[in-house]
Amino acid sequence: MLKSIKTLCMGTLVAVAMGSCWELEQEVLTGVTQEKLDANITPELIEVLKQSAYSSLITEGMGSFGTHGGLYSIMEISSDEMVIPQRGADWEDGGIWLRAHRHTWTVLDGPYNNAWNYAFGIVAQSNLLIQQFPDIEELVGELKVLRALSYLFLIDNFGNVPIVTESDVIPNPPSNTRLEVFQFIESSVLDNIEYMTRDNTRTNLNYWTAHMILAKLYLNAEVYTGTQRWADAERVLDLIINEGPYSLAQNFFSNFASNNSNSPENMLTLPYDANNAPGFNIHIMSFHYSSQQTFELQQQPNNGYAALEEFYNSFEDNDVRRESLREGPQFASDGVTRIIDAAAEPNDPDGPPITFTPEINMLAPNALRQAGTRVNKFEIPLGSAPSLNNDFPIFRYADVILMKAEAAWRQGNTAEAIAAVNMVRERADVPPITQLTPELLLAERGRELFAEGHRRSDLIRFGRFNSPWWEKQSSAPFRNLFPIPQNQILANPNLTQNPGY
């Protein structure tokens, strides 16, 4: 039975704890020898060692998840939910983001190299710690599951990649097939899952989120290997639903609040912190330059990421999740004073007073500065720094419920699937559905999971990624995988480029 909604309590303990852990990590890893560790292994030291690997998940810079220029960007901008229009001289960027939207990217485009380096950075840090501390079973087991999570990113985006473990000494490892990578991820989790804690650790992997890796793997198994694994996906999801500690929060937006560390719904999060762990800056990436006045931001936003009009229109009028996108007239922080764009284009029908419109007049070269609804899902407190404090959800319980619905529906259990979808819709204050089609299920996932990095993978699984949409023609099936970056092939000639590139 699916769990009912619980009340959400907010807190700040995780952010404080993580900041102190990183300071301790630096001291311990540079000042304690292997011999001392072997003689005095404590739970506290094991936790410090783990955090040195987890910190690579939220490293500040181009490799960060949830910031511009890497894995998050290529997944979102290649989908039908977000776009970065070229607004005159702004955001031309050598055409990188226009090509990402149109599915005409090349092996030379830098963001794909950033994404590759991000994922393999996690692999490298995990392997290094396993090499250094091979006898700490709890540590090694969790690190192998963390490494599997990184390979989940890699198999989904790049397909055929080299499997690199702690015992490999080959300087230029060859590519493994996608099937081999699939089997490696599966065995890495299954062989080590009993080492994972069953505690509700939101910033570390646990027994339940390890199963979520398997669920994601099995749900996409037909894409990755050509063989369906719907029943396996449902089995794993049922375990999370029936035995795990998660439930839907009463308030959808509490999952994305500035202090969201105690959300009963967020399963695995990246604990961003403006001071101790910067790197999450979706507000800077999306909002208009003058929106600095709306939120009293410490830095002017960049006026980039916006939703496609069709995606915005997919929300029903009363759907509370529609507020994930900011639309309409914009005001200063007093809520009364209209903010003005003195550089608004003469052909903007709204004139200088800033109004975010669902319609974007063109992709390039002269998209209007005010065009497009903006990412409003994550709370932006007044006076926010360039980086936010919100923990970013990698895995969320609402996704578990919708994945359960999909796995059941694909096996013909329509009534069970509809019940699960309606559980999520009820929280969104929209009427229940009485029938389910691929289009409805995909749209519901889009409304619930907007801006969380899932849309590209969903579109591929539903056979919609190559379809035409606004300012994009039909794309070839080989575009379902990104290219192996040219920089990586130059550094390692044993890599095999994906077909079509």
Protein backbone atom coordinates (compact mmCIF):
# COMPACT_ATOMS: atom_id res chain seq x y z
CA MET A 1 0.00 0.00 0.00
CA LEU A 2 1.28 3.48 -0.84
CA LYS A 3 1.97 5.63 2.19
CA SER A 4 -0.12 8.64 3.05
CA ILE A 5 1.14 12.18 3.41
CA LYS A 6 3.05 13.17 6.55
CA THR A 7 3.56 16.62 8.03
CA LEU A 8 6.91 18.15 7.13
CA CYS A 9 9.22 19.66 9.74
CA MET A 10 12.01 21.93 8.57
CA GLY A 11 15.51 22.32 10.03
CA THR A 12 19.08 23.39 9.41
CA LEU A 13 21.05 20.64 11.14
CA VAL A 14 22.27 18.91 7.99
CA ALA A 15 23.85 22.01 6.47
CA VAL A 16 25.69 22.79 9.72
CA ALA A 17 26.82 19.20 10.14
CA MET A 18 28.07 18.94 6.58
CA GLY A 19 30.12 22.11 6.90
CA SER A 20 31.88 20.80 10.00
CA CYS A 21 32.41 17.38 8.38
CA TRP A 22 34.29 18.88 5.46
CA GLU A 23 36.63 20.78 7.77
CA LEU A 24 37.32 17.58 9.70
CA GLU A 25 37.76 15.64 6.48
CA GLN A 26 40.59 17.89 5.31
CA GLU A 27 42.39 17.58 8.63
CA VAL A 28 42.01 13.82 8.91
CA LEU A 29 42.87 12.88 5.35
CA THR A 30 46.04 14.96 5.34
CA GLY A 31 47.24 14.29 8.87
CA VAL A 32 46.40 10.68 9.74
CA THR A 33 48.41 7.75 8.42
CA GLN A 34 47.03 4.42 7.25
CA GLU A 35 48.63 2.77 10.28
CA LYS A 36 46.83 5.08 12.69
CA LEU A 37 43.54 4.48 10.95
CA ASP A 38 44.04 0.72 11.01
CA ALA A 39 44.73 0.90 14.73
CA ASN A 40 41.79 3.12 15.61
CA ILE A 41 38.88 2.86 13.17
CA THR A 42 35.86 4.66 14.57
CA PRO A 43 32.44 5.35 13.07
CA GLU A 44 33.31 9.04 13.03
CA LEU A 45 36.42 8.44 10.94
CA ILE A 46 34.54 6.20 8.54
CA GLU A 47 31.95 8.93 8.09
CA VAL A 48 34.67 11.49 7.35
CA LEU A 49 36.17 9.23 4.72
CA LYS A 50 32.76 8.76 3.09
CA GLN A 51 32.19 12.51 2.92
CA SER A 52 35.41 13.01 0.97
CA ALA A 53 33.78 10.94 -1.79
CA TYR A 54 30.31 12.48 -1.48
CA SER A 55 31.77 15.96 -1.69
CA SER A 56 32.65 15.22 -5.32
CA LEU A 57 28.91 15.08 -6.03
CA ILE A 58 28.55 18.77 -5.18
CA THR A 59 31.93 20.16 -6.20
CA GLU A 60 31.64 23.82 -7.07
CA GLY A 61 32.30 24.76 -10.69
CA MET A 62 31.45 23.45 -14.14
CA GLY A 63 31.22 19.88 -12.88
CA SER A 64 28.56 20.61 -10.28
CA PHE A 65 25.13 19.02 -10.49
CA GLY A 66 22.47 21.73 -10.48
CA THR A 67 24.59 24.49 -11.91
CA HIS A 68 25.30 25.75 -15.42
CA GLY A 69 27.67 24.18 -17.91
CA GLY A 70 27.72 20.49 -17.11
CA LEU A 71 25.60 17.38 -16.60
CA TYR A 72 22.47 19.18 -15.39
CA SER A 73 22.54 21.63 -18.27
CA ILE A 74 22.91 19.09 -21.06
CA MET A 75 20.09 16.96 -19.67
CA GLU A 76 17.70 19.88 -19.24
CA ILE A 77 18.42 21.93 -22.37
CA SER A 78 18.23 18.87 -24.65
CA SER A 79 14.71 18.19 -23.35
CA ASP A 80 11.37 19.82 -24.12
CA GLU A 81 11.03 21.57 -20.78
CA MET A 82 13.78 24.21 -20.79
CA VAL A 83 15.73 26.30 -23.26
CA ILE A 84 18.36 29.03 -23.22
CA PRO A 85 17.32 31.52 -25.91
CA GLN A 86 19.87 33.80 -27.50
CA ARG A 87 18.87 37.27 -26.39
CA GLY A 88 20.86 39.47 -28.75
CA ALA A 89 24.50 39.32 -27.73
CA ASP A 90 23.66 37.38 -24.58
CA TRP A 91 23.78 33.57 -24.48
CA GLU A 92 25.09 33.08 -28.00
CA ASP A 93 28.04 31.23 -26.45
CA GLY A 94 29.30 29.94 -29.77
CA GLY A 95 25.92 28.32 -30.41
CA ILE A 96 26.41 25.62 -27.77
CA TRP A 97 22.98 25.99 -26.17
CA LEU A 98 21.19 26.50 -29.46
CA ARG A 99 22.69 23.22 -30.68
CA ALA A 100 21.75 21.54 -27.39
CA HIS A 101 18.13 22.53 -27.91
CA ARG A 102 18.07 21.57 -31.59
CA HIS A 103 19.90 18.26 -31.03
CA THR A 104 22.79 19.29 -33.27
CA TRP A 105 25.54 19.25 -30.64
CA THR A 106 29.08 18.25 -31.62
CA VAL A 107 31.92 16.28 -30.06
CA LEU A 108 33.75 19.56 -29.45
CA ASP A 109 31.09 21.24 -27.32
CA GLY A 110 32.50 21.78 -23.85
CA PRO A 111 29.51 20.95 -21.59
CA TYR A 112 29.63 17.26 -22.57
CA ASN A 113 33.27 17.12 -21.52
CA ASN A 114 32.34 18.79 -18.22
CA ALA A 115 29.62 16.20 -17.65
CA TRP A 116 32.04 13.35 -18.38
CA ASN A 117 34.65 14.75 -16.00
CA TYR A 118 32.05 15.25 -13.28
CA ALA A 119 30.89 11.64 -13.37
CA PHE A 120 34.35 10.13 -13.65
CA GLY A 121 35.56 12.43 -10.88
CA ILE A 122 33.16 10.64 -8.54
CA VAL A 123 34.42 7.29 -9.84
CA ALA A 124 38.04 8.31 -9.29
CA GLN A 125 37.47 9.57 -5.75
CA SER A 126 35.57 6.40 -4.84
CA ASN A 127 38.28 4.16 -6.29
CA LEU A 128 41.03 6.06 -4.48
CA LEU A 129 39.39 5.59 -1.09
CA ILE A 130 38.68 1.91 -1.77
CA GLN A 131 42.35 1.45 -2.63
CA GLN A 132 43.47 3.23 0.54
CA PHE A 133 41.07 1.50 2.94
CA PRO A 134 40.21 -1.89 1.43
CA ASP A 135 39.55 -3.60 4.77
CA ILE A 136 36.79 -1.28 6.01
CA GLU A 137 33.85 -3.26 4.62
CA GLU A 138 31.19 -0.69 5.47
CA LEU A 139 33.16 2.07 3.73
CA VAL A 140 34.07 -0.01 0.67
CA GLY A 141 30.52 -1.26 0.22
CA GLU A 142 29.01 2.22 0.28
CA LEU A 143 31.67 3.62 -2.02
CA LYS A 144 30.95 0.93 -4.59
CA VAL A 145 27.27 1.87 -4.52
CA LEU A 146 28.20 5.55 -4.87
CA ARG A 147 30.37 4.61 -7.85
CA ALA A 148 27.37 2.76 -9.29
CA LEU A 149 25.31 5.96 -9.01
CA SER A 150 27.91 7.78 -11.08
CA TYR A 151 27.82 5.00 -13.66
CA LEU A 152 24.04 5.40 -13.75
CA PHE A 153 24.66 8.99 -14.93
CA LEU A 154 27.19 7.69 -17.46
CA ILE A 155 25.14 4.84 -18.92
CA ASP A 156 22.16 7.14 -19.33
CA ASN A 157 24.01 9.97 -21.07
CA PHE A 158 26.99 8.37 -22.81
CA GLY A 159 26.16 4.66 -23.03
CA ASN A 160 29.42 2.88 -23.82
CA VAL A 161 32.01 4.01 -21.28
CA PRO A 162 35.05 2.40 -19.64
CA ILE A 163 34.44 0.56 -16.39
CA VAL A 164 37.21 1.63 -14.04
CA THR A 165 37.57 0.00 -10.62
CA GLU A 166 40.00 0.30 -7.75
CA SER A 167 42.08 -2.61 -9.09
CA ASP A 168 42.55 -1.29 -12.63
CA VAL A 169 46.02 -0.12 -13.63
CA ILE A 170 45.48 0.34 -17.38
CA PRO A 171 46.25 4.00 -18.17
CA ASN A 172 43.87 4.15 -21.15
CA PRO A 173 41.02 1.70 -20.48
CA PRO A 174 38.85 0.75 -23.46
CA SER A 175 35.13 1.38 -23.64
CA ASN A 176 32.77 -1.25 -22.28
CA THR A 177 29.46 -1.97 -23.94
CA ARG A 178 26.29 -0.48 -22.51
CA LEU A 179 25.18 -3.98 -21.50
CA GLU A 180 28.43 -4.50 -19.58
CA VAL A 181 27.99 -1.16 -17.82
CA PHE A 182 24.40 -2.13 -16.94
CA GLN A 183 25.57 -5.42 -15.44
CA PHE A 184 28.35 -3.65 -13.53
CA ILE A 185 25.91 -1.18 -11.96
CA GLU A 186 23.50 -3.96 -11.05
CA SER A 187 26.12 -6.20 -9.48
CA SER A 188 27.78 -3.28 -7.67
CA VAL A 189 24.53 -2.54 -5.87
CA LEU A 190 23.38 -6.11 -5.27
CA ASP A 191 26.78 -7.23 -3.96
CA ASN A 192 27.04 -4.36 -1.50
CA ILE A 193 23.51 -3.42 -0.53
CA GLU A 194 23.69 -5.17 2.84
CA TYR A 195 26.47 -2.82 3.86
CA MET A 196 24.11 0.14 3.45
CA THR A 197 22.44 1.67 6.48
CA ARG A 198 18.68 1.59 6.75
CA ASP A 199 18.72 4.97 8.48
CA ASN A 200 17.06 7.86 6.67
CA THR A 201 20.32 9.49 5.59
CA ARG A 202 19.30 12.06 3.03
CA THR A 203 22.79 13.27 2.07
CA ASN A 204 24.38 9.81 1.89
CA LEU A 205 23.19 6.75 0.04
CA ASN A 206 21.38 4.18 2.16
CA TYR A 207 19.66 0.82 1.73
CA TRP A 208 16.60 2.45 0.14
CA THR A 209 18.37 4.81 -2.24
CA ALA A 210 20.64 1.97 -3.31
CA HIS A 211 17.44 0.22 -4.35
CA MET A 212 16.42 3.41 -6.15
CA ILE A 213 19.55 3.07 -8.31
CA LEU A 214 18.34 -0.41 -9.24
CA ALA A 215 14.82 0.86 -9.89
CA LYS A 216 16.11 3.54 -12.28
CA LEU A 217 18.31 0.95 -13.97
CA TYR A 218 15.48 -1.55 -14.42
CA LEU A 219 12.93 1.05 -15.55
CA ASN A 220 15.30 2.05 -18.36
CA ALA A 221 16.58 -1.48 -19.05
CA GLU A 222 14.97 -1.71 -22.47
CA VAL A 223 16.72 1.51 -23.52
CA TYR A 224 20.04 0.43 -22.07
CA THR A 225 20.08 -3.26 -23.07
CA GLY A 226 17.11 -3.98 -25.33
CA THR A 227 15.48 -6.18 -22.66
CA GLN A 228 12.50 -5.06 -20.55
CA ARG A 229 12.78 -5.31 -16.76
CA TRP A 230 9.44 -3.75 -15.72
CA ALA A 231 8.66 -6.47 -13.16
CA ASP A 232 12.07 -6.07 -11.53
CA ALA A 233 11.57 -2.31 -11.38
CA GLU A 234 8.18 -2.73 -9.71
CA ARG A 235 9.53 -5.26 -7.23
CA VAL A 236 12.27 -2.88 -6.09
CA LEU A 237 9.90 0.09 -5.98
CA ASP A 238 7.43 -1.88 -3.87
CA LEU A 239 10.20 -2.56 -1.38
CA ILE A 240 10.93 1.18 -1.08
CA ILE A 241 7.22 2.02 -0.78
CA ASN A 242 6.29 -0.69 1.71
CA GLU A 243 9.40 -0.76 3.90
CA GLY A 244 11.18 2.57 3.42
CA PRO A 245 10.85 5.64 5.67
CA TYR A 246 9.50 8.02 3.00
CA SER A 247 6.17 9.71 2.34
CA LEU A 248 4.81 12.65 0.38
CA ALA A 249 5.12 16.03 2.04
CA GLN A 250 1.85 17.88 2.51
CA ASN A 251 3.21 20.96 0.75
CA PHE A 252 4.81 20.31 -2.65
CA PHE A 253 7.12 23.33 -2.42
CA SER A 254 8.44 22.42 1.03
CA ASN A 255 10.64 19.86 -0.77
CA PHE A 256 12.46 22.74 -2.45
CA ALA A 257 12.55 25.25 0.39
CA SER A 258 15.73 26.92 1.52
CA ASN A 259 15.68 24.72 4.64
CA ASN A 260 14.44 21.42 3.20
CA SER A 261 16.78 19.01 4.95
CA ASN A 262 13.97 17.35 6.93
CA SER A 263 11.64 16.69 4.00
CA PRO A 264 10.00 13.25 4.41
CA GLU A 265 9.99 13.00 0.62
CA ASN A 266 13.55 13.88 -0.37
CA MET A 267 15.47 10.61 -0.39
CA LEU A 268 18.94 11.54 -1.65
CA THR A 269 19.93 15.17 -1.83
CA LEU A 270 22.98 17.25 -2.56
CA PRO A 271 23.38 19.43 0.57
CA TYR A 272 24.23 22.75 -1.03
CA ASP A 273 25.13 25.60 1.28
CA ALA A 274 25.83 29.18 0.23
CA ASN A 275 28.92 29.33 2.45
CA ASN A 276 30.23 25.79 2.93
CA ALA A 277 29.07 24.06 -0.26
CA PRO A 278 28.31 26.58 -3.02
CA GLY A 279 27.39 25.59 -6.55
CA PHE A 280 23.58 25.54 -6.82
CA ASN A 281 22.60 28.75 -8.61
CA ILE A 282 19.47 28.08 -10.64
CA HIS A 283 18.12 31.53 -9.70
CA ILE A 284 21.15 33.19 -11.29
CA MET A 285 20.89 30.92 -14.33
CA SER A 286 17.22 31.66 -15.00
CA PHE A 287 15.94 35.02 -13.81
CA HIS A 288 16.01 38.38 -15.64
CA TYR A 289 18.85 40.75 -14.83
CA SER A 290 16.46 43.12 -13.04
CA SER A 291 14.95 40.32 -10.95
CA GLN A 292 17.80 41.20 -8.60
CA GLN A 293 15.33 43.77 -7.25
CA THR A 294 12.62 41.16 -6.71
CA PHE A 295 14.76 39.03 -4.43
CA GLU A 296 17.35 41.63 -3.32
CA LEU A 297 19.98 39.29 -4.71
CA GLN A 298 23.65 39.83 -4.01
CA GLN A 299 24.42 39.21 -7.69
CA GLN A 300 22.59 40.13 -10.88
CA PRO A 301 21.00 37.09 -12.58
CA ASN A 302 21.98 36.05 -16.11
CA ASN A 303 18.57 35.91 -17.84
CA GLY A 304 19.05 32.45 -19.33
CA TYR A 305 17.02 29.30 -18.64
CA ALA A 306 13.31 29.51 -19.47
CA ALA A 307 10.51 26.99 -19.98
CA LEU A 308 9.10 26.18 -23.38
CA GLU A 309 5.61 27.56 -23.88
CA GLU A 310 4.11 24.14 -24.60
CA PHE A 311 5.60 22.74 -21.42
CA TYR A 312 4.23 25.63 -19.36
CA ASN A 313 0.81 25.10 -20.93
CA SER A 314 0.84 21.42 -19.97
CA PHE A 315 -0.10 22.40 -16.40
CA GLU A 316 -3.80 22.56 -15.55
CA ASP A 317 -4.96 25.97 -14.32
CA ASN A 318 -5.35 24.95 -10.67
CA ASP A 319 -2.22 22.78 -10.49
CA VAL A 320 -0.16 24.15 -7.60
CA ARG A 321 2.97 22.90 -9.36
CA ARG A 322 2.44 25.52 -12.06
CA GLU A 323 4.03 27.95 -9.61
CA SER A 324 7.29 26.12 -10.35
CA LEU A 325 7.43 28.58 -13.25
CA ARG A 326 7.23 32.33 -12.69
CA GLU A 327 4.94 34.10 -15.15
CA GLY A 328 3.40 37.54 -15.51
CA PRO A 329 4.23 41.07 -14.26
CA GLN A 330 7.29 41.29 -12.03
CA PHE A 331 7.68 43.46 -8.97
CA ALA A 332 10.39 44.66 -6.62
CA SER A 333 10.71 43.03 -3.20
CA ASP A 334 7.97 45.29 -1.82
CA GLY A 335 5.46 43.47 -4.03
CA VAL A 336 4.11 46.77 -5.35
CA THR A 337 6.75 48.50 -7.46
CA ARG A 338 7.01 47.21 -11.02
CA ILE A 339 10.58 46.48 -12.06
CA ILE A 340 11.62 48.08 -15.30
CA ASP A 341 13.94 46.91 -18.07
CA ALA A 342 15.29 50.12 -19.55
CA ALA A 343 16.89 48.05 -22.33
CA ALA A 344 13.65 46.32 -23.35
CA GLU A 345 13.39 45.89 -27.11
CA PRO A 346 11.15 48.36 -28.96
CA ASN A 347 9.12 45.45 -30.36
CA ASP A 348 8.37 43.96 -26.92
CA PRO A 349 4.58 44.30 -26.58
CA ASP A 350 4.89 44.62 -22.80
CA GLY A 351 7.32 47.52 -22.99
CA PRO A 352 9.88 48.28 -20.26
CA PRO A 353 7.79 46.97 -17.30
CA ILE A 354 9.03 43.39 -16.97
CA THR A 355 6.50 40.69 -17.73
CA PHE A 356 7.46 37.04 -18.11
CA THR A 357 5.41 35.55 -20.94
CA PRO A 358 5.00 31.83 -21.71
CA GLU A 359 5.60 32.62 -25.39
CA ILE A 360 9.21 33.03 -26.52
CA ASN A 361 9.21 34.92 -29.80
CA MET A 362 12.24 33.06 -31.21
CA LEU A 363 15.14 30.88 -30.16
CA ALA A 364 17.78 33.08 -31.82
CA PRO A 365 19.19 35.56 -32.45
CA ASN A 366 16.82 38.08 -30.88
CA ALA A 367 14.64 36.44 -28.27
CA LEU A 368 13.00 39.15 -26.20
CA ARG A 369 14.72 39.80 -22.88
CA GLN A 370 11.48 39.23 -20.95
CA ALA A 371 10.28 36.20 -22.92
CA GLY A 372 9.81 32.86 -21.20
CA THR A 373 8.61 31.74 -17.79
CA ARG A 374 11.43 31.27 -15.30
CA VAL A 375 12.45 28.49 -12.88
CA ASN A 376 10.62 29.30 -9.65
CA LYS A 377 10.58 25.86 -8.04
CA PHE A 378 13.31 26.40 -5.48
CA GLU A 379 12.78 28.97 -2.74
CA ILE A 380 14.84 32.16 -3.14
CA PRO A 381 14.97 34.03 0.19
CA LEU A 382 15.43 37.79 0.11
CA GLY A 383 19.09 38.71 0.00
CA SER A 384 20.23 35.37 -1.42
CA ALA A 385 23.83 34.89 -2.43
CA PRO A 386 24.89 33.64 -5.89
CA SER A 387 24.57 30.10 -4.49
CA LEU A 388 21.45 28.83 -2.72
CA ASN A 389 21.11 26.80 0.48
CA ASN A 390 18.43 24.46 -0.89
CA ASP A 391 19.33 20.77 -0.86
CA PHE A 392 18.91 19.50 -4.43
CA PRO A 393 16.93 16.24 -4.73
CA ILE A 394 18.55 13.49 -6.78
CA PHE A 395 15.91 10.97 -5.69
CA ARG A 396 12.46 11.95 -4.41
CA TYR A 397 9.58 9.79 -3.18
CA ALA A 398 7.08 11.31 -5.63
CA ASP A 399 9.29 9.92 -8.38
CA VAL A 400 9.10 6.49 -6.72
CA ILE A 401 5.30 6.65 -6.87
CA LEU A 402 5.27 7.71 -10.52
CA MET A 403 7.85 5.07 -11.42
CA LYS A 404 5.65 2.50 -9.67
CA ALA A 405 2.73 3.74 -11.74
CA GLU A 406 4.71 3.37 -14.95
CA ALA A 407 6.06 -0.09 -14.13
CA ALA A 408 2.55 -1.29 -13.25
CA TRP A 409 0.98 0.32 -16.33
CA ARG A 410 3.54 -1.19 -18.70
CA GLN A 411 2.61 -4.63 -17.34
CA GLY A 412 -1.10 -4.02 -17.86
CA ASN A 413 -2.02 -3.16 -14.25
CA THR A 414 -3.85 0.01 -15.21
CA ALA A 415 -5.98 0.41 -12.08
CA GLU A 416 -2.93 0.22 -9.83
CA ALA A 417 -1.09 2.71 -12.04
CA ILE A 418 -3.98 5.19 -12.01
CA ALA A 419 -4.21 5.01 -8.21
CA ALA A 420 -0.53 5.86 -7.90
CA VAL A 421 -0.71 8.78 -10.33
CA ASN A 422 -3.75 10.17 -8.53
CA MET A 423 -1.88 10.12 -5.24
CA VAL A 424 0.58 12.62 -6.69
CA ARG A 425 -2.16 14.62 -8.43
CA GLU A 426 -4.15 14.92 -5.20
CA ARG A 427 -1.24 16.72 -3.55
CA ALA A 428 -1.16 19.07 -6.56
CA ASP A 429 -4.87 19.94 -6.13
CA VAL A 430 -5.89 18.66 -9.56
CA PRO A 431 -8.75 16.24 -10.28
CA PRO A 432 -8.05 12.51 -10.41
CA ILE A 433 -7.65 10.82 -13.75
CA THR A 434 -9.80 7.87 -14.79
CA GLN A 435 -7.69 6.61 -17.70
CA LEU A 436 -3.98 6.49 -18.44
CA THR A 437 -2.13 6.85 -21.72
CA PRO A 438 1.58 7.23 -22.47
CA GLU A 439 1.02 10.94 -23.11
CA LEU A 440 -0.73 11.48 -19.78
CA LEU A 441 1.90 9.57 -17.81
CA LEU A 442 4.80 11.40 -19.45
CA ALA A 443 3.10 14.76 -18.91
CA GLU A 444 2.48 13.98 -15.23
CA ARG A 445 6.13 13.14 -14.72
CA GLY A 446 7.05 16.42 -16.41
CA ARG A 447 4.79 18.50 -14.17
CA GLU A 448 5.96 16.82 -10.99
CA LEU A 449 9.69 16.58 -11.74
CA PHE A 450 10.31 19.81 -13.68
CA ALA A 451 13.90 21.11 -13.37
CA GLU A 452 15.11 18.06 -11.41
CA GLY A 453 17.09 16.52 -14.26
CA HIS A 454 14.76 13.65 -15.25
CA ARG A 455 13.05 14.88 -18.41
CA ARG A 456 15.60 13.82 -21.04
CA SER A 457 15.70 10.24 -19.77
CA ASP A 458 11.89 10.13 -19.59
CA LEU A 459 11.51 11.39 -23.16
CA ILE A 460 13.88 8.72 -24.43
CA ARG A 461 12.10 5.94 -22.54
CA PHE A 462 8.71 7.07 -23.90
CA GLY A 463 10.05 7.37 -27.45
CA ARG A 464 9.57 11.16 -27.62
CA PHE A 465 13.12 12.51 -27.46
CA ASN A 466 13.56 12.59 -31.23
CA SER A 467 10.16 14.18 -31.88
CA PRO A 468 9.97 17.78 -33.16
CA TRP A 469 9.09 20.56 -30.76
CA TRP A 470 9.37 24.34 -30.71
CA GLU A 471 12.41 25.44 -32.75
CA LYS A 472 13.56 21.81 -33.04
CA GLN A 473 13.08 19.45 -35.95
CA SER A 474 12.97 15.67 -35.65
CA SER A 475 16.34 14.34 -34.53
CA ALA A 476 18.06 11.08 -35.41
CA PRO A 477 17.89 8.19 -32.90
CA PHE A 478 21.67 8.30 -32.39
CA ARG A 479 21.09 11.58 -30.52
CA ASN A 480 19.66 9.52 -27.65
CA LEU A 481 23.28 9.31 -26.53
CA PHE A 482 25.63 12.24 -26.21
CA PRO A 483 29.00 11.95 -27.96
CA ILE A 484 32.10 10.79 -26.18
CA PRO A 485 33.84 14.19 -25.85
CA GLN A 486 36.65 14.80 -28.30
CA ASN A 487 38.96 15.80 -25.44
CA GLN A 488 38.50 12.36 -23.88
CA ILE A 489 39.19 10.51 -27.13
CA LEU A 490 42.35 12.56 -27.68
CA ALA A 491 43.48 11.70 -24.16
CA ASN A 492 42.47 8.03 -24.46
CA PRO A 493 42.46 6.65 -28.02
CA ASN A 494 41.05 3.34 -26.74
CA LEU A 495 37.64 4.93 -26.25
CA THR A 496 34.98 4.06 -28.83
CA GLN A 497 32.92 6.95 -30.15
CA ASN A 498 29.14 6.50 -30.10
CA PRO A 499 27.54 5.84 -33.51
CA GLY A 500 26.59 8.90 -35.54
CA TYR A 501 29.40 11.09 -34.29
